[in-house]
Amino acid sequence: MMQNMFRTGFLVRATHTLLTWVITLILFLHNTDLRKCEEQGELLLPVLFFLLVVLSVLLYFAVSLMDPGFVLTDSVKGSNEEMESMIPQSSSPRLRRCGYCLLQQPMRAKHCQTCKHCVRRFDHHCPWIENCVGERNHRWFIVYLLVQLLALLWALHIALYVRVSGISPSLTWVLWFRVNGFLLVALVLVGVFSVVAGMLLGIHLYLVSINCTTWEFMSRHRIAYLKNCGDEENPFDRGVFCNLWNFFCICRTVVWEQTYDRNTPNSV
């Protein structure tokens, strides 16, 4: 039973939810600006902070439970013949069958041994959301990171301000730690998570701007369709603006073989 709980990601999601609400509760119950605003009847900031936390939790579960783009059949739309007719045969590598699930892998797809499926435009398997990040949930993963980072930075400001301003000459460090111990722990956790979320957001925005996935960036030398490209060459790159527009605003399955064939130098 315990293995099933780990496998389904229940414990990871429960831990994330518990940490989120415990830290939020500490910030509301401690002598922070949120508490002072509540006591003074100024509810705008506490309500906005609470809604931001709720939004981050909802986005977390949406990304965590969403289908990242699992390859469940041999074709994208229609029959295999229709699929193959859409793909130029001049220079793009032939579709290959996955050695694990025995389905045809579209270009940029990869099998995830944790999820037991091939994922379209595979980016990585994220242990914190216990799900793959792929074609269908990648944009929402970035939106989640942005909202989470905003909530963490706001929480960090609240906790850090109290820690700095709460020290007085007449208060010993031992007594201060007894009073503010939980807040200090929350401050450390929020600080670490803020750095991680900020780094992840920056890295993913950069990769999206050049139309590259984490898997392609890290394993370029092992990927068949990138082996023959130069170190600085990306056959899927259409420029920063087009890359960002297509990623965030175009919600459809992309036949990457067509883009690859158009942008590969030896195409006919």
Protein backbone atom coordinates (compact mmCIF):
# COMPACT_ATOMS: atom_id res chain seq x y z
CA MET A 1 0.00 0.00 0.00
CA MET A 2 2.83 2.39 0.87
CA GLN A 3 4.49 1.69 -2.49
CA ASN A 4 1.22 2.49 -4.28
CA MET A 5 1.00 5.79 -2.41
CA PHE A 6 4.51 6.71 -3.55
CA ARG A 7 3.80 5.53 -7.08
CA THR A 8 0.67 7.65 -7.44
CA GLY A 9 2.42 10.71 -6.04
CA PHE A 10 0.01 11.01 -3.11
CA LEU A 11 2.71 11.62 -0.50
CA VAL A 12 4.53 14.19 -2.66
CA ARG A 13 1.35 16.17 -3.31
CA ALA A 14 0.24 15.88 0.32
CA THR A 15 3.66 17.12 1.50
CA HIS A 16 3.52 20.11 -0.86
CA THR A 17 0.00 21.02 0.29
CA LEU A 18 0.84 20.58 3.97
CA LEU A 19 4.01 22.71 3.73
CA THR A 20 2.16 25.42 1.84
CA TRP A 21 -0.63 25.78 4.37
CA VAL A 22 1.59 25.38 7.44
CA ILE A 23 3.85 28.21 6.27
CA THR A 24 0.81 30.33 5.36
CA LEU A 25 -0.68 29.69 8.80
CA ILE A 26 2.58 30.70 10.51
CA LEU A 27 2.64 33.98 8.59
CA PHE A 28 -0.97 34.74 9.51
CA LEU A 29 -0.70 33.78 13.21
CA HIS A 30 2.68 35.39 13.88
CA ASN A 31 3.21 39.08 14.51
CA THR A 32 3.51 39.95 10.84
CA ASP A 33 2.06 42.63 8.59
CA LEU A 34 -0.72 40.20 7.68
CA ARG A 35 -1.70 39.88 11.35
CA LYS A 36 -1.49 43.63 11.87
CA CYS A 37 -3.68 44.30 8.83
CA GLU A 38 -6.28 41.85 10.13
CA GLU A 39 -6.32 43.48 13.56
CA GLN A 40 -6.73 46.92 12.00
CA GLY A 41 -9.53 45.75 9.73
CA GLU A 42 -7.50 46.24 6.56
CA LEU A 43 -8.22 42.97 4.80
CA LEU A 44 -7.05 43.77 1.26
CA LEU A 45 -3.46 42.53 1.62
CA PRO A 46 -4.32 39.40 3.65
CA VAL A 47 -7.05 38.44 1.17
CA LEU A 48 -4.78 39.03 -1.85
CA PHE A 49 -1.99 36.95 -0.29
CA PHE A 50 -4.42 34.16 0.59
CA LEU A 51 -5.85 34.12 -2.96
CA LEU A 52 -2.34 34.02 -4.42
CA VAL A 53 -1.51 30.99 -2.27
CA VAL A 54 -4.78 29.29 -3.28
CA LEU A 55 -4.01 29.98 -6.95
CA SER A 56 -0.54 28.46 -6.60
CA VAL A 57 -2.00 25.31 -5.00
CA LEU A 58 -4.66 24.98 -7.72
CA LEU A 59 -2.05 25.37 -10.45
CA TYR A 60 0.18 22.83 -8.73
CA PHE A 61 -2.56 20.20 -8.78
CA ALA A 62 -3.57 21.11 -12.34
CA VAL A 63 -0.01 20.60 -13.61
CA SER A 64 0.52 17.55 -11.43
CA LEU A 65 -2.63 15.72 -12.54
CA MET A 66 -2.73 16.90 -16.17
CA ASP A 67 -1.93 14.64 -19.09
CA PRO A 68 1.50 15.93 -20.22
CA GLY A 69 1.00 14.57 -23.73
CA PHE A 70 1.16 10.80 -23.44
CA VAL A 71 1.51 8.90 -26.70
CA LEU A 72 -1.32 6.38 -26.51
CA THR A 73 -1.64 5.40 -30.17
CA ASP A 74 0.60 5.18 -33.23
CA SER A 75 -0.91 8.25 -34.89
CA VAL A 76 -1.49 11.88 -34.00
CA LYS A 77 -4.75 12.22 -35.91
CA GLY A 78 -6.41 9.68 -38.12
CA SER A 79 -4.61 6.72 -39.58
CA ASN A 80 -0.90 5.98 -39.84
CA GLU A 81 -1.08 6.66 -43.57
CA GLU A 82 -2.42 10.16 -42.96
CA MET A 83 0.31 10.77 -40.39
CA GLU A 84 3.06 9.61 -42.73
CA SER A 85 1.70 11.69 -45.62
CA MET A 86 2.08 14.82 -43.49
CA ILE A 87 5.75 14.12 -42.78
CA PRO A 88 8.30 14.96 -45.50
CA GLN A 89 10.52 11.98 -46.24
CA SER A 90 13.54 13.86 -47.60
CA SER A 91 15.80 14.42 -44.63
CA SER A 92 13.88 13.99 -41.39
CA PRO A 93 14.74 10.85 -39.42
CA ARG A 94 12.20 8.07 -39.69
CA LEU A 95 9.75 7.56 -36.86
CA ARG A 96 11.01 4.83 -34.55
CA ARG A 97 9.19 2.51 -32.23
CA CYS A 98 9.69 2.84 -28.50
CA GLY A 99 11.51 -0.12 -27.01
CA TYR A 100 9.28 -0.02 -23.91
CA CYS A 101 5.69 0.67 -25.02
CA LEU A 102 6.21 -0.40 -28.68
CA LEU A 103 4.42 2.66 -30.06
CA GLN A 104 5.73 4.98 -32.75
CA GLN A 105 7.50 7.94 -31.17
CA PRO A 106 6.78 11.31 -32.78
CA MET A 107 9.82 13.55 -33.09
CA ARG A 108 10.81 15.16 -29.74
CA ALA A 109 8.94 12.46 -27.78
CA LYS A 110 10.67 10.32 -25.16
CA HIS A 111 9.66 7.41 -22.99
CA CYS A 112 9.45 8.16 -19.27
CA GLN A 113 10.23 5.07 -17.22
CA THR A 114 8.53 6.61 -14.17
CA CYS A 115 5.23 7.36 -15.92
CA LYS A 116 5.51 4.26 -18.17
CA HIS A 117 4.51 6.26 -21.27
CA CYS A 118 6.11 8.12 -24.15
CA VAL A 119 5.52 11.88 -23.81
CA ARG A 120 5.25 14.33 -26.71
CA ARG A 121 7.82 17.13 -26.67
CA PHE A 122 9.24 15.61 -23.51
CA ASP A 123 10.97 18.14 -21.26
CA HIS A 124 11.64 16.28 -18.01
CA HIS A 125 10.00 14.26 -15.26
CA CYS A 126 9.52 16.53 -12.25
CA PRO A 127 9.63 14.67 -8.92
CA TRP A 128 8.01 17.58 -7.08
CA ILE A 129 4.80 17.44 -9.14
CA GLU A 130 5.27 13.67 -9.67
CA ASN A 131 4.45 14.03 -13.34
CA CYS A 132 6.18 14.58 -16.65
CA VAL A 133 6.43 18.04 -18.17
CA GLY A 134 5.56 17.76 -21.84
CA GLU A 135 3.65 19.24 -24.73
CA ARG A 136 0.28 19.65 -22.98
CA ASN A 137 1.29 20.92 -19.54
CA HIS A 138 4.63 22.69 -20.12
CA ARG A 139 3.10 26.16 -20.48
CA TRP A 140 1.03 25.63 -17.34
CA PHE A 141 4.13 24.43 -15.52
CA ILE A 142 5.79 27.78 -16.28
CA VAL A 143 2.68 29.70 -15.21
CA TYR A 144 2.70 27.69 -11.99
CA LEU A 145 6.37 28.52 -11.39
CA LEU A 146 5.66 32.22 -11.90
CA VAL A 147 2.70 32.28 -9.48
CA GLN A 148 4.60 30.15 -6.97
CA LEU A 149 7.61 32.45 -7.14
CA LEU A 150 5.42 35.53 -6.56
CA ALA A 151 3.82 33.89 -3.52
CA LEU A 152 7.22 32.82 -2.15
CA LEU A 153 8.79 36.26 -2.60
CA TRP A 154 5.84 37.89 -0.87
CA ALA A 155 6.07 35.37 1.99
CA LEU A 156 9.84 35.92 2.18
CA HIS A 157 9.32 39.67 2.48
CA ILE A 158 6.79 39.17 5.28
CA ALA A 159 8.94 36.71 7.23
CA LEU A 160 12.23 38.55 6.69
CA TYR A 161 10.80 41.92 7.75
CA VAL A 162 9.54 40.47 11.05
CA ARG A 163 12.86 38.71 11.74
CA VAL A 164 14.92 41.84 11.21
CA SER A 165 12.60 44.28 12.91
CA GLY A 166 11.70 41.96 15.78
CA ILE A 167 15.14 42.01 17.45
CA SER A 168 15.52 44.43 20.36
CA PRO A 169 18.50 44.99 22.70
CA SER A 170 16.48 43.87 25.73
CA LEU A 171 15.58 40.53 24.10
CA THR A 172 18.07 37.69 24.37
CA TRP A 173 18.68 35.44 21.36
CA VAL A 174 17.42 32.39 23.28
CA LEU A 175 14.15 34.08 24.18
CA TRP A 176 13.80 35.51 20.68
CA PHE A 177 14.31 32.05 19.16
CA ARG A 178 11.64 30.57 21.41
CA VAL A 179 9.20 33.22 20.27
CA ASN A 180 10.20 33.24 16.59
CA GLY A 181 11.48 29.69 16.02
CA PHE A 182 8.64 28.61 13.74
CA LEU A 183 8.92 31.83 11.77
CA LEU A 184 12.66 31.29 11.33
CA VAL A 185 12.07 27.78 9.97
CA ALA A 186 9.44 29.16 7.60
CA LEU A 187 11.89 31.87 6.51
CA VAL A 188 14.59 29.29 5.67
CA LEU A 189 12.16 27.06 3.73
CA VAL A 190 10.66 29.96 1.81
CA GLY A 191 14.13 31.30 1.00
CA VAL A 192 15.33 27.95 -0.38
CA PHE A 193 12.15 27.40 -2.38
CA SER A 194 12.34 30.95 -3.77
CA VAL A 195 15.85 30.36 -5.13
CA VAL A 196 14.85 27.01 -6.68
CA ALA A 197 11.64 28.39 -8.22
CA GLY A 198 13.46 31.45 -9.57
CA MET A 199 16.20 29.36 -11.16
CA LEU A 200 13.71 26.94 -12.70
CA LEU A 201 11.59 29.76 -14.10
CA GLY A 202 14.62 31.49 -15.62
CA ILE A 203 15.97 28.27 -17.16
CA HIS A 204 12.63 27.27 -18.65
CA LEU A 205 11.93 30.71 -20.09
CA TYR A 206 15.34 30.66 -21.75
CA LEU A 207 14.78 27.19 -23.20
CA VAL A 208 11.32 28.14 -24.43
CA SER A 209 12.74 31.27 -26.10
CA ILE A 210 15.05 29.05 -28.21
CA ASN A 211 12.47 26.26 -28.63
CA CYS A 212 14.54 23.65 -26.83
CA THR A 213 13.57 21.19 -24.13
CA THR A 214 15.55 20.28 -21.03
CA TRP A 215 16.06 16.76 -22.38
CA GLU A 216 17.33 18.07 -25.74
CA PHE A 217 19.61 20.60 -24.03
CA MET A 218 21.15 18.04 -21.65
CA SER A 219 21.30 15.02 -24.00
CA ARG A 220 21.87 16.63 -27.38
CA HIS A 221 24.74 14.28 -28.27
CA ARG A 222 22.53 11.19 -27.75
CA ILE A 223 19.45 12.33 -29.72
CA ALA A 224 19.29 11.02 -33.30
CA TYR A 225 17.68 14.08 -34.89
CA LEU A 226 20.18 16.47 -33.28
CA LYS A 227 23.41 14.50 -33.73
CA ASN A 228 24.08 15.88 -37.20
CA CYS A 229 23.32 19.50 -36.24
CA GLY A 230 26.01 21.94 -35.19
CA ASP A 231 26.57 22.80 -31.54
CA GLU A 232 24.73 26.13 -31.94
CA GLU A 233 22.15 24.86 -34.44
CA ASN A 234 18.56 24.20 -33.43
CA PRO A 235 16.27 23.01 -36.24
CA PHE A 236 13.15 24.00 -34.25
CA ASP A 237 14.19 27.59 -33.47
CA ARG A 238 12.02 30.16 -35.29
CA GLY A 239 13.20 33.25 -33.41
CA VAL A 240 12.45 34.40 -29.86
CA PHE A 241 9.11 36.08 -30.58
CA CYS A 242 7.71 33.21 -32.67
CA ASN A 243 8.96 30.63 -30.18
CA LEU A 244 7.29 32.38 -27.24
CA TRP A 245 4.08 33.06 -29.21
CA ASN A 246 3.75 29.47 -30.40
CA PHE A 247 4.53 28.07 -26.95
CA PHE A 248 2.11 30.20 -24.91
CA CYS A 249 -0.62 31.01 -27.44
CA ILE A 250 -0.89 28.07 -29.84
CA CYS A 251 -2.61 25.07 -28.24
CA ARG A 252 -2.37 22.25 -30.74
CA THR A 253 -0.31 19.16 -31.51
CA VAL A 254 2.67 20.09 -33.66
CA VAL A 255 4.12 17.76 -36.30
CA TRP A 256 7.75 18.55 -35.52
CA GLU A 257 8.98 16.52 -38.50
CA GLN A 258 7.67 19.26 -40.80
CA THR A 259 9.52 22.01 -38.92
CA TYR A 260 12.68 19.89 -38.79
CA ASP A 261 12.61 19.24 -42.56
CA ARG A 262 12.10 22.92 -43.44
CA ASN A 263 14.96 24.11 -41.23
CA THR A 264 17.50 21.36 -41.90
CA PRO A 265 20.20 22.52 -44.37
CA ASN A 266 20.28 19.28 -46.38
CA SER A 267 16.52 19.18 -47.01
CA VAL A 268 15.33 19.09 -50.60
